[in-house]
């Protein structure tokens, strides 16, 4: 599902989503498609879900027009970019 569709279905609230399609640009992850796991109306519950989320799952608020996450490289940790185009 595209982020714009998620925003229409769940206006002004947190949602737990799973990243399906994304790309990297200038050290930023641009998420294009997600699968909605569940809406989270309570901000305290959203915080709990955020800290327990794993793999490609994360919590985001639908007031954001796009899902763009700054990626910071840590010198001692190597990360593979699983969803980068062209792999």
Protein backbone atom coordinates (compact mmCIF):
# COMPACT_ATOMS: atom_id res chain seq x y z
CA UNK A 1 0.00 0.00 0.00
CA UNK A 2 1.30 3.47 -0.80
CA UNK A 3 1.86 5.86 2.12
CA UNK A 4 -0.73 8.31 0.74
CA UNK A 5 -3.38 5.56 0.95
CA UNK A 6 -2.39 4.77 4.54
CA UNK A 7 -2.71 8.46 5.44
CA UNK A 8 -6.24 8.56 4.00
CA UNK A 9 -7.37 5.40 5.79
CA UNK A 10 -5.81 6.28 9.18
CA UNK A 11 -5.71 10.09 9.44
CA UNK A 12 -3.70 11.75 12.20
CA UNK A 13 -2.61 8.66 14.11
CA UNK A 14 0.27 6.27 14.60
CA UNK A 15 0.39 3.05 12.58
CA UNK A 16 2.57 -0.03 12.84
CA UNK A 17 3.75 -0.83 9.33
CA UNK A 18 6.15 -3.16 7.55
CA UNK A 19 8.39 -1.78 4.83
CA UNK A 20 7.78 -3.46 1.46
CA UNK A 21 9.53 -1.21 -1.04
CA UNK A 22 12.13 1.50 -0.47
CA UNK A 23 15.28 3.07 -1.83
CA UNK A 24 18.27 5.00 -0.46
CA UNK A 25 19.10 8.50 -1.57
CA UNK A 26 21.70 10.76 0.08
CA UNK A 27 21.88 8.64 3.27
CA UNK A 28 18.10 8.71 3.62
CA UNK A 29 15.75 5.79 3.37
CA UNK A 30 12.68 6.66 1.28
CA UNK A 31 9.92 4.14 1.99
CA UNK A 32 7.50 3.86 -0.92
CA UNK A 33 5.22 0.95 -0.03
CA UNK A 34 4.18 -0.53 3.32
CA UNK A 35 1.86 -3.15 4.74
CA UNK A 36 -0.25 -1.86 7.60
CA UNK A 37 -0.06 -4.19 10.59
CA UNK A 38 -2.39 -2.14 12.79
CA UNK A 39 -3.38 1.42 13.67
CA UNK A 40 -2.30 2.61 17.11
CA UNK A 41 -4.63 5.29 18.53
CA UNK A 42 -2.84 5.62 21.88
CA UNK A 43 0.57 7.42 21.86
CA UNK A 44 1.82 5.38 24.85
CA UNK A 45 1.04 2.14 23.03
CA UNK A 46 2.78 3.55 19.92
CA UNK A 47 5.93 4.07 21.97
CA UNK A 48 5.82 0.48 23.24
CA UNK A 49 5.28 -0.84 19.71
CA UNK A 50 8.16 1.28 18.41
CA UNK A 51 10.63 -0.21 20.89
CA UNK A 52 9.46 -3.77 20.27
CA UNK A 53 9.36 -3.51 16.46
CA UNK A 54 11.84 -5.73 14.59
CA UNK A 55 13.21 -6.16 11.09
CA UNK A 56 11.34 -3.98 8.60
CA UNK A 57 8.52 -3.08 11.00
CA UNK A 58 8.27 0.40 12.50
CA UNK A 59 5.80 2.93 13.87
CA UNK A 60 5.11 6.16 11.98
CA UNK A 61 2.56 8.97 12.27
CA UNK A 62 0.25 9.66 9.35
CA UNK A 63 0.65 13.43 9.71
CA UNK A 64 3.96 12.98 7.84
CA UNK A 65 3.57 13.43 4.08
CA UNK A 66 6.30 10.90 3.28
CA UNK A 67 8.35 8.27 5.07
CA UNK A 68 11.93 9.48 4.92
CA UNK A 69 14.38 8.26 7.54
CA UNK A 70 17.92 9.54 7.92
CA UNK A 71 20.39 6.65 8.05
CA UNK A 72 23.47 7.13 10.16
CA UNK A 73 26.33 4.76 9.62
CA UNK A 74 28.08 3.49 12.72
CA UNK A 75 31.75 2.76 12.02
CA UNK A 76 31.80 -0.56 13.90
CA UNK A 77 28.54 -1.95 12.50
CA UNK A 78 28.06 -3.14 8.96
CA UNK A 79 24.56 -3.01 7.56
CA UNK A 80 23.35 -4.40 4.29
CA UNK A 81 20.74 -2.45 2.44
CA UNK A 82 18.24 -5.18 1.63
CA UNK A 83 15.73 -3.13 -0.32
CA UNK A 84 18.01 -0.94 -2.36
CA UNK A 85 17.16 -0.85 -6.08
CA UNK A 86 19.44 -2.73 -8.42
CA UNK A 87 20.42 -5.58 -6.11
